[in-house]
Amino acid sequence: MFHSLPQIFKQYKLQADVRTLLTLRRAFDKQLINTFGDLYIVLKGIVVKSPEDIGPFSKAYYDYFLNVQFAPGERFDDAIARSIGFQKWKEQYLEDHPDRVEDDLETFINRYLDEVHMTSYDIKKFIDGQDILNKDNPDMPDNPSDDNENDPQNHKLDKAADYSNMDLEDLLERMRRVAEQQKSAHQGGSHWIGQGGISPYGNGGAANGGIRVGGAGGGKMARKVMGDGRYYPIDRDQQLNDNNIDATLASLKGVIESSAQSELDIPSTLDKGLKRGGLFLPEVKDVISENMKVLLLVDNGGYSMDPHVEVITRLFKKMKTRFAHDLKTFYFHNTIYDIIFTDPRRSSHVSIDRFIAHDSDYRVFVIGDAAMAPYELSRSSIANWQLIQKKFKKMAWLNPDNQAWWQHTLTTKVLGEIIPMFPLTPKGIEDAVLNMNRIRS
């Protein structure tokens, strides 16, 4: 754990070695570190020996954990502002809070630092989760105009709720009843499935022993994570929409491919060598690397696709932001002829040959209704789809039309025989990813 930390800290002229890591490990074992802010405070107590060390420590900490690179003489805020971590956080924050787009840079940086440095002590007290649910009606209709959960003032977490002593099946049943009533996205509060707040179901909040729905996690407070194959709090056959995007992301993460390569584990070699009385035998560890390469082909040329393009764009944008790998988006209208467009307005394009020059390891998602006049799907167009499918074995067509209609549309049937076709629903996307994962390159 954090094997390279001493090396980075020494670059900032701080004393850090194996003993630093051992002390840090003991702090984890004693559950003194529950948030990123806790880690900062504990590590500061271990490493900082004098007031002069505080500045270098902060820079070393941000360099190691947040990949903030400091140029000579650069202001702290400037280094944070150009860091990839901050930029991705800001992009995600604005995606979740579009009303805050006018805030100045300093405000965003302060908000980012508040989140990074939130400690267990910032959550001032735990509320008994049973008391919350005793006063709550799981069958309450969703009428956002009647509550103030989405008020930005209610997003600051100054308290947490503890649901760890409650029966998990009872929580799952209550979440099912809440999900039946929920019609919109919610922020904060203690009732709905949403983000922030102290509700027992959602993500990004402070609910000990709750159920995480969507989101990337990180607080390690949830008892159960939606997406374990046994429970989904949404209708998985419902067409993709704003309310089930986060749940769908869990399935899309399945396109990430992991590989491992061995390298010398220096800290372990030294540690075990000392225990052997000076007999140093090389210790090898597997370093896992993740690779996600996706080509997205979107039919954005007709009125029938208009309702779907925006939500699809949001889904894959979140995918790119959260998984941070290689995603390229292309566009077409109804079908592909000799070119594929590279911008939503379809003003720039590349040839089919250039498109299929991409590495065959790319996963390809086609999003379109596949319905068109039969004459539009010409022989040359069919040949192009076959050419693409031959190059990219791991390929899926996601169709927003009701699956019952597919067999009644000639072009849909033809394209479905060339490319595996799935409904544009959370379950359909999950099935598409599972099918890709069964195919060997």
Protein backbone atom coordinates (compact mmCIF):
# COMPACT_ATOMS: atom_id res chain seq x y z
CA MET A 1 0.00 0.00 0.00
CA PHE A 2 1.45 3.37 -1.10
CA HIS A 3 4.84 1.76 -1.75
CA SER A 4 6.15 4.68 -3.77
CA LEU A 5 5.02 7.32 -1.26
CA PRO A 6 8.37 7.65 0.57
CA GLN A 7 10.17 8.26 -2.71
CA ILE A 8 7.82 11.11 -3.69
CA PHE A 9 7.94 12.69 -0.24
CA LYS A 10 11.73 12.60 -0.25
CA GLN A 11 11.68 14.62 -3.46
CA TYR A 12 10.12 17.39 -1.35
CA LYS A 13 12.88 16.94 1.27
CA LEU A 14 10.59 15.22 3.79
CA GLN A 15 11.54 12.28 5.98
CA ALA A 16 9.50 9.25 4.90
CA ASP A 17 10.43 5.57 4.80
CA VAL A 18 9.10 2.09 5.51
CA ARG A 19 8.28 3.11 9.09
CA THR A 20 6.00 5.80 7.69
CA LEU A 21 4.08 3.17 5.76
CA LEU A 22 3.87 0.85 8.78
CA THR A 23 2.48 3.65 10.96
CA LEU A 24 0.00 4.53 8.24
CA ARG A 25 -1.07 0.88 7.98
CA ARG A 26 -1.69 0.77 11.75
CA ALA A 27 -3.87 3.88 11.44
CA PHE A 28 -5.95 2.10 8.80
CA ASP A 29 -6.17 -1.04 10.93
CA LYS A 30 -7.47 1.02 13.85
CA GLN A 31 -10.06 2.63 11.51
CA LEU A 32 -8.66 6.11 12.09
CA ILE A 33 -8.83 6.78 8.35
CA ASN A 34 -12.31 6.76 6.82
CA THR A 35 -12.13 9.68 4.40
CA PHE A 36 -9.54 11.32 2.17
CA GLY A 37 -9.40 14.19 4.66
CA ASP A 38 -8.60 11.75 7.47
CA LEU A 39 -5.69 10.43 5.42
CA TYR A 40 -4.30 13.96 5.04
CA ILE A 41 -4.46 14.65 8.79
CA VAL A 42 -2.99 11.30 9.86
CA LEU A 43 -0.17 11.42 7.32
CA LYS A 44 0.56 15.02 8.26
CA GLY A 45 0.93 13.95 11.89
CA ILE A 46 3.39 11.23 10.86
CA VAL A 47 5.54 13.22 8.44
CA VAL A 48 5.50 16.89 9.55
CA LYS A 49 8.15 17.53 12.20
CA SER A 50 8.24 21.33 12.15
CA PRO A 51 6.14 24.25 10.79
CA GLU A 52 8.57 24.54 7.86
CA ASP A 53 7.47 21.07 6.69
CA ILE A 54 3.80 21.99 6.26
CA GLY A 55 4.19 23.65 2.85
CA PRO A 56 6.34 20.88 1.32
CA PHE A 57 4.05 18.25 2.88
CA SER A 58 0.95 19.75 1.26
CA LYS A 59 2.67 19.84 -2.12
CA ALA A 60 3.94 16.27 -1.75
CA TYR A 61 0.50 15.06 -0.67
CA TYR A 62 -1.24 16.72 -3.61
CA ASP A 63 1.43 15.48 -6.00
CA TYR A 64 1.14 11.86 -4.84
CA PHE A 65 -2.58 11.46 -4.22
CA LEU A 66 -4.12 14.01 -6.61
CA ASN A 67 -1.44 14.22 -9.30
CA VAL A 68 -1.07 17.99 -8.89
CA GLN A 69 2.27 19.03 -10.38
CA PHE A 70 3.83 22.23 -9.03
CA ALA A 71 6.02 24.35 -11.30
CA PRO A 72 8.78 26.41 -9.59
CA GLY A 73 7.21 29.44 -7.89
CA GLU A 74 3.70 28.50 -9.01
CA ARG A 75 0.71 29.49 -6.85
CA PHE A 76 -1.06 26.63 -5.08
CA ASP A 77 -4.45 27.41 -6.67
CA ASP A 78 -2.95 27.66 -10.16
CA ALA A 79 -1.41 24.20 -9.88
CA ILE A 80 -4.72 22.73 -8.70
CA ALA A 81 -6.66 24.52 -11.46
CA ARG A 82 -4.63 22.88 -14.23
CA SER A 83 -4.55 19.42 -12.64
CA ILE A 84 -6.46 16.66 -14.41
CA GLY A 85 -8.14 15.58 -11.18
CA PHE A 86 -9.63 19.03 -10.57
CA GLN A 87 -10.71 19.43 -14.19
CA LYS A 88 -12.51 16.09 -14.15
CA TRP A 89 -14.11 16.92 -10.80
CA LYS A 90 -15.30 20.29 -12.14
CA GLU A 91 -16.67 18.70 -15.29
CA GLN A 92 -18.62 16.15 -13.25
CA TYR A 93 -19.76 18.81 -10.77
CA LEU A 94 -21.15 21.03 -13.54
CA GLU A 95 -22.81 18.03 -15.10
CA ASP A 96 -24.60 17.39 -11.81
CA HIS A 97 -25.14 21.10 -11.01
CA PRO A 98 -25.65 22.97 -14.30
CA ASP A 99 -27.00 25.98 -12.37
CA ARG A 100 -23.46 26.61 -10.96
CA VAL A 101 -21.77 27.17 -14.32
CA GLU A 102 -21.38 30.90 -13.62
CA ASP A 103 -19.34 30.39 -10.42
CA ASP A 104 -15.79 31.72 -10.55
CA LEU A 105 -12.69 29.52 -10.53
CA GLU A 106 -11.82 30.30 -6.91
CA THR A 107 -15.25 29.10 -5.80
CA PHE A 108 -14.80 25.80 -7.65
CA ILE A 109 -11.32 25.29 -6.18
CA ASN A 110 -12.56 25.96 -2.64
CA ARG A 111 -15.46 23.56 -3.12
CA TYR A 112 -13.09 20.92 -4.49
CA LEU A 113 -10.74 21.34 -1.53
CA ASP A 114 -13.65 21.16 0.90
CA GLU A 115 -14.56 17.76 -0.54
CA VAL A 116 -10.96 16.54 -0.63
CA HIS A 117 -10.35 17.54 2.98
CA MET A 118 -13.67 16.46 4.51
CA THR A 119 -12.82 14.39 7.59
CA SER A 120 -14.76 12.14 9.89
CA TYR A 121 -14.84 15.06 12.32
CA ASP A 122 -16.66 17.22 9.77
CA ILE A 123 -19.57 14.83 10.05
CA LYS A 124 -20.53 16.10 13.46
CA LYS A 125 -22.88 13.34 14.62
CA PHE A 126 -24.68 10.21 13.57
CA ILE A 127 -28.46 10.11 13.54
CA ASP A 128 -30.15 6.79 14.23
CA GLY A 129 -31.35 5.56 10.85
CA GLN A 130 -34.30 3.80 12.43
CA ASP A 131 -35.58 7.13 13.77
CA ILE A 132 -35.39 8.61 10.25
CA LEU A 133 -37.32 5.75 8.68
CA ASN A 134 -39.93 5.67 11.46
CA LYS A 135 -40.89 9.23 10.47
CA ASP A 136 -40.64 8.54 6.74
CA ASN A 137 -43.34 7.28 4.37
CA PRO A 138 -41.77 5.10 1.64
CA ASP A 139 -44.92 5.49 -0.47
CA MET A 140 -44.78 9.29 -0.53
CA PRO A 141 -45.45 10.65 -4.06
CA ASP A 142 -42.55 12.34 -5.81
CA ASN A 143 -43.34 16.04 -6.11
CA PRO A 144 -40.00 17.92 -6.15
CA SER A 145 -41.74 21.30 -6.02
CA ASP A 146 -43.01 20.45 -2.52
CA ASP A 147 -39.63 19.77 -0.96
CA ASN A 148 -36.27 21.48 -0.70
CA GLU A 149 -33.93 18.52 -1.19
CA ASN A 150 -32.53 20.01 -4.38
CA ASP A 151 -31.67 23.33 -2.73
CA PRO A 152 -27.86 23.67 -2.98
CA GLN A 153 -27.85 24.93 0.61
CA ASN A 154 -28.85 21.43 1.75
CA HIS A 155 -25.89 19.66 0.13
CA LYS A 156 -23.34 20.31 2.89
CA LEU A 157 -22.92 17.13 4.92
CA ASP A 158 -22.72 18.14 8.57
CA LYS A 159 -24.34 14.96 9.88
CA ALA A 160 -24.56 11.29 9.00
CA ALA A 161 -27.15 8.58 9.48
CA ASP A 162 -26.42 5.08 10.76
CA TYR A 163 -28.46 2.27 9.21
CA SER A 164 -26.00 -0.50 10.06
CA ASN A 165 -28.26 -2.10 12.71
CA MET A 166 -31.25 -2.34 10.39
CA ASP A 167 -32.23 -5.50 8.54
CA LEU A 168 -30.87 -5.31 4.99
CA GLU A 169 -33.93 -6.95 3.45
CA ASP A 170 -36.14 -4.30 5.11
CA LEU A 171 -34.01 -1.58 3.54
CA LEU A 172 -34.21 -3.25 0.13
CA GLU A 173 -37.99 -3.50 0.37
CA ARG A 174 -38.29 0.17 1.39
CA MET A 175 -36.04 1.17 -1.51
CA ARG A 176 -38.25 -0.79 -3.92
CA ARG A 177 -41.31 1.14 -2.66
CA VAL A 178 -39.49 4.48 -2.91
CA ALA A 179 -38.30 3.64 -6.43
CA GLU A 180 -41.89 2.99 -7.51
CA GLN A 181 -42.81 6.57 -6.57
CA GLN A 182 -39.63 8.33 -7.70
CA LYS A 183 -40.01 10.29 -10.93
CA SER A 184 -37.02 12.67 -10.87
CA ALA A 185 -33.41 13.03 -9.75
CA HIS A 186 -32.79 14.21 -6.17
CA GLN A 187 -29.88 15.80 -4.33
CA GLY A 188 -29.49 15.73 -0.57
CA GLY A 189 -32.27 14.83 1.87
CA SER A 190 -33.12 11.60 3.67
CA HIS A 191 -35.88 10.01 1.60
CA TRP A 192 -35.19 9.57 -2.12
CA ILE A 193 -32.69 7.50 -4.10
CA GLY A 194 -30.20 10.20 -5.06
CA GLN A 195 -26.86 11.89 -4.42
CA GLY A 196 -25.59 13.49 -1.25
CA GLY A 197 -27.69 13.68 1.88
CA ILE A 198 -28.37 10.94 4.43
CA SER A 199 -30.84 8.73 2.59
CA PRO A 200 -30.08 5.02 3.09
CA TYR A 201 -30.03 4.53 -0.69
CA GLY A 202 -28.02 6.54 -3.23
CA ASN A 203 -24.42 7.68 -3.53
CA GLY A 204 -22.11 10.50 -2.52
CA GLY A 205 -23.81 10.99 0.85
CA ALA A 206 -23.28 10.04 4.50
CA ALA A 207 -25.31 6.91 5.22
CA ASN A 208 -23.45 4.28 7.20
CA GLY A 209 -24.69 0.79 6.42
CA GLY A 210 -26.89 1.94 3.53
CA ILE A 211 -27.17 0.80 -0.08
CA ARG A 212 -25.07 2.47 -2.77
CA VAL A 213 -26.93 3.07 -6.02
CA GLY A 214 -24.80 4.33 -8.93
CA GLY A 215 -21.76 6.54 -8.39
CA ALA A 216 -18.19 5.42 -7.93
CA GLY A 217 -18.27 4.92 -4.17
CA GLY A 218 -15.24 5.76 -2.08
CA GLY A 219 -16.67 6.39 1.36
CA LYS A 220 -16.73 2.66 2.16
CA MET A 221 -19.93 3.16 4.18
CA ALA A 222 -22.37 1.10 2.09
CA ARG A 223 -23.43 -2.40 3.12
CA LYS A 224 -24.72 -3.33 -0.31
CA VAL A 225 -23.94 -2.05 -3.80
CA MET A 226 -26.61 -1.96 -6.47
CA GLY A 227 -25.44 -4.01 -9.41
CA ASP A 228 -24.40 -7.20 -7.60
CA GLY A 229 -26.67 -9.24 -9.86
CA ARG A 230 -29.43 -9.77 -7.29
CA TYR A 231 -31.08 -6.39 -6.93
CA TYR A 232 -31.78 -3.33 -9.05
CA PRO A 233 -33.85 -0.42 -7.68
CA ILE A 234 -34.92 0.61 -11.19
CA ASP A 235 -36.89 -0.95 -13.99
CA ARG A 236 -34.03 -2.48 -15.96
CA ASP A 237 -36.22 -2.84 -19.04
CA GLN A 238 -37.17 0.83 -19.05
CA GLN A 239 -35.72 2.91 -21.86
CA LEU A 240 -32.49 4.68 -20.96
CA ASN A 241 -33.21 8.05 -19.31
CA ASP A 242 -31.73 10.56 -16.86
CA ASN A 243 -32.92 8.59 -13.84
CA ASN A 244 -31.20 5.31 -14.70
CA ILE A 245 -27.94 6.59 -16.21
CA ASP A 246 -25.88 5.98 -13.05
CA ALA A 247 -27.19 2.43 -12.73
CA THR A 248 -26.33 1.78 -16.38
CA LEU A 249 -22.76 2.99 -15.82
CA ALA A 250 -22.15 -0.04 -13.62
CA SER A 251 -22.75 -2.28 -16.65
CA LEU A 252 -20.60 -0.18 -18.97
CA LYS A 253 -17.67 -0.57 -16.61
CA GLY A 254 -17.60 -4.16 -17.84
CA VAL A 255 -15.89 -3.02 -21.05
CA ILE A 256 -12.73 -2.23 -19.09
CA GLU A 257 -10.15 -4.93 -19.65
CA SER A 258 -7.51 -5.60 -17.03
CA SER A 259 -4.05 -6.98 -17.63
CA ALA A 260 -1.20 -7.71 -15.29
CA GLN A 261 2.54 -7.57 -15.60
CA SER A 262 5.12 -8.48 -13.02
CA GLU A 263 7.63 -6.11 -11.52
CA LEU A 264 10.08 -6.16 -8.65
CA ASP A 265 8.43 -5.26 -5.32
CA ILE A 266 11.28 -3.36 -3.67
CA PRO A 267 9.62 -2.59 -0.29
CA SER A 268 8.53 -6.21 0.10
CA THR A 269 11.99 -7.45 -0.93
CA LEU A 270 13.65 -5.27 1.72
CA ASP A 271 11.10 -6.05 4.42
CA LYS A 272 11.25 -9.83 3.99
CA GLY A 273 15.02 -9.72 3.50
CA LEU A 274 15.47 -8.06 6.89
CA LYS A 275 13.22 -10.66 8.50
CA ARG A 276 15.41 -13.38 6.94
CA GLY A 277 18.47 -11.87 8.57
CA GLY A 278 19.86 -10.20 5.46
CA LEU A 279 18.95 -12.81 2.84
CA PHE A 280 17.34 -10.64 0.16
CA LEU A 281 15.36 -12.68 -2.37
CA PRO A 282 13.50 -10.79 -5.11
CA GLU A 283 9.79 -10.39 -4.39
CA VAL A 284 7.63 -9.95 -7.47
CA LYS A 285 4.18 -8.37 -7.62
CA ASP A 286 1.56 -8.16 -10.34
CA VAL A 287 0.73 -4.62 -11.44
CA ILE A 288 -2.79 -4.42 -12.79
CA SER A 289 -3.46 -2.01 -15.63
CA GLU A 290 -6.89 -1.20 -16.99
CA ASN A 291 -7.67 -0.51 -20.62
CA MET A 292 -10.92 0.78 -22.06
CA LYS A 293 -11.16 1.53 -25.77
CA VAL A 294 -14.60 2.40 -27.13
CA LEU A 295 -15.85 3.67 -30.49
CA LEU A 296 -19.34 5.15 -30.31
CA LEU A 297 -21.43 5.45 -33.49
CA VAL A 298 -24.54 7.60 -33.01
CA ASP A 299 -27.42 8.04 -35.45
CA ASN A 300 -28.31 11.69 -34.87
CA GLY A 301 -29.92 12.48 -38.19
CA GLY A 302 -33.65 11.98 -37.72
CA TYR A 303 -36.50 13.15 -35.51
CA SER A 304 -37.04 9.59 -34.22
CA MET A 305 -33.57 9.64 -32.64
CA ASP A 306 -33.71 13.18 -31.25
CA PRO A 307 -35.09 12.16 -27.81
CA HIS A 308 -32.27 9.64 -27.33
CA VAL A 309 -29.14 11.39 -28.56
CA GLU A 310 -28.81 13.73 -25.57
CA VAL A 311 -29.15 11.05 -22.91
CA ILE A 312 -26.77 8.73 -24.81
CA THR A 313 -24.22 11.54 -25.05
CA ARG A 314 -24.53 12.15 -21.31
CA LEU A 315 -24.15 8.46 -20.49
CA PHE A 316 -20.95 7.99 -22.47
CA LYS A 317 -19.58 11.37 -21.34
CA LYS A 318 -19.95 10.19 -17.75
CA MET A 319 -18.35 6.93 -18.76
CA LYS A 320 -15.34 8.78 -20.19
CA THR A 321 -15.11 11.10 -17.17
CA ARG A 322 -15.34 8.40 -14.53
CA PHE A 323 -13.36 5.65 -16.20
CA ALA A 324 -10.87 8.02 -17.90
CA HIS A 325 -9.86 6.01 -20.93
CA ASP A 326 -10.12 6.09 -24.72
CA LEU A 327 -13.56 6.98 -26.08
CA LYS A 328 -14.15 8.29 -29.61
CA THR A 329 -17.56 9.35 -30.93
CA PHE A 330 -18.72 9.33 -34.54
CA TYR A 331 -22.06 10.12 -36.18
CA PHE A 332 -24.20 8.93 -39.08
CA HIS A 333 -27.73 9.37 -40.45
CA ASN A 334 -29.84 6.19 -40.75
CA THR A 335 -26.98 4.10 -42.13
CA ILE A 336 -23.33 4.31 -43.16
CA TYR A 337 -22.32 4.76 -46.78
CA ASP A 338 -18.72 5.69 -47.64
CA ILE A 339 -17.99 8.12 -44.79
CA ILE A 340 -18.54 8.51 -41.06
CA PHE A 341 -18.94 11.94 -39.48
CA THR A 342 -16.70 13.15 -36.67
CA ASP A 343 -18.89 15.98 -35.31
CA PRO A 344 -22.57 16.16 -34.27
CA ARG A 345 -23.43 18.59 -37.08
CA ARG A 346 -21.97 16.11 -39.57
CA SER A 347 -19.77 18.70 -41.23
CA SER A 348 -16.49 16.77 -40.94
CA HIS A 349 -15.93 13.15 -41.80
CA VAL A 350 -13.50 10.29 -42.25
CA SER A 351 -13.58 7.46 -44.76
CA ILE A 352 -14.65 3.93 -43.88
CA ASP A 353 -11.08 2.79 -44.46
CA ARG A 354 -9.78 5.30 -41.95
CA PHE A 355 -12.41 4.29 -39.41
CA ILE A 356 -11.59 0.59 -39.59
CA ALA A 357 -7.90 1.43 -39.28
CA HIS A 358 -8.55 1.72 -35.53
CA ASP A 359 -7.16 -1.09 -33.43
CA SER A 360 -9.42 -4.16 -33.41
CA ASP A 361 -9.33 -4.10 -29.59
CA TYR A 362 -11.85 -1.24 -29.60
CA ARG A 363 -15.38 -2.06 -28.43
CA VAL A 364 -17.95 -0.56 -30.81
CA PHE A 365 -21.41 0.62 -29.73
CA VAL A 366 -23.86 1.65 -32.45
CA ILE A 367 -26.88 3.65 -31.24
CA GLY A 368 -29.76 3.95 -33.69
CA ASP A 369 -33.29 2.76 -34.37
CA ALA A 370 -32.13 0.91 -37.53
CA ALA A 371 -35.50 1.73 -39.14
CA MET A 372 -35.42 3.38 -42.56
CA ALA A 373 -36.80 3.02 -46.04
CA PRO A 374 -35.52 -0.26 -47.56
CA TYR A 375 -33.86 1.55 -50.48
CA GLU A 376 -31.64 3.49 -48.04
CA LEU A 377 -29.94 0.32 -46.86
CA SER A 378 -28.14 -0.31 -50.13
CA ARG A 379 -25.82 -3.21 -50.88
CA SER A 380 -22.79 -0.97 -50.45
CA SER A 381 -24.08 0.19 -47.07
CA ILE A 382 -24.65 -3.41 -45.94
CA ALA A 383 -21.11 -4.24 -47.14
CA ASN A 384 -19.74 -1.38 -45.00
CA TRP A 385 -21.52 -2.64 -41.87
CA GLN A 386 -20.17 -6.13 -42.56
CA LEU A 387 -16.68 -4.68 -42.99
CA ILE A 388 -16.91 -2.88 -39.65
CA GLN A 389 -18.30 -5.95 -37.88
CA LYS A 390 -15.54 -8.13 -39.32
CA LYS A 391 -12.85 -5.77 -37.99
CA PHE A 392 -14.40 -5.15 -34.56
CA LYS A 393 -15.60 -8.46 -33.15
CA LYS A 394 -16.78 -6.89 -29.89
CA MET A 395 -19.62 -4.85 -31.30
CA ALA A 396 -23.22 -4.16 -30.28
CA TRP A 397 -26.15 -2.22 -31.72
CA LEU A 398 -28.30 -0.48 -29.09
CA ASN A 399 -31.81 0.12 -30.41
CA PRO A 400 -34.21 2.58 -28.66
CA ASP A 401 -37.28 1.18 -30.45
CA ASN A 402 -39.52 -1.30 -28.66
CA GLN A 403 -38.06 -4.75 -29.26
CA ALA A 404 -41.47 -6.06 -30.31
CA TRP A 405 -41.30 -3.83 -33.40
CA TRP A 406 -37.92 -5.04 -34.67
CA GLN A 407 -39.24 -8.02 -36.62
CA HIS A 408 -41.72 -5.80 -38.48
CA THR A 409 -39.04 -3.53 -39.96
CA LEU A 410 -36.98 -5.00 -42.80
CA THR A 411 -33.88 -2.84 -42.28
CA THR A 412 -33.86 -3.57 -38.54
CA LYS A 413 -33.97 -7.31 -39.23
CA VAL A 414 -31.14 -7.07 -41.79
CA LEU A 415 -28.84 -5.01 -39.53
CA GLY A 416 -29.68 -7.22 -36.54
CA GLU A 417 -28.38 -10.22 -38.48
CA ILE A 418 -25.06 -8.46 -39.11
CA ILE A 419 -24.52 -6.85 -35.68
CA PRO A 420 -25.81 -8.22 -32.35
CA MET A 421 -28.73 -5.94 -31.43
CA PHE A 422 -29.91 -5.08 -27.91
CA PRO A 423 -32.54 -2.73 -26.47
CA LEU A 424 -31.37 0.71 -25.32
CA THR A 425 -32.20 -0.07 -21.69
CA PRO A 426 -30.04 -0.73 -18.61
CA LYS A 427 -30.57 -4.48 -19.03
CA GLY A 428 -29.98 -4.29 -22.78
CA ILE A 429 -26.66 -2.49 -22.27
CA GLU A 430 -25.64 -4.99 -19.61
CA ASP A 431 -26.48 -7.88 -21.97
CA ALA A 432 -24.50 -6.18 -24.76
CA VAL A 433 -21.42 -5.88 -22.54
CA LEU A 434 -21.74 -9.48 -21.34
CA ASN A 435 -21.98 -10.63 -24.95
CA MET A 436 -18.86 -8.64 -25.86
CA ASN A 437 -17.00 -10.18 -22.95
CA ARG A 438 -17.80 -13.68 -24.19
CA ILE A 439 -16.18 -12.97 -27.54
CA ARG A 440 -12.43 -13.54 -27.80
CA SER A 441 -10.45 -11.09 -29.92
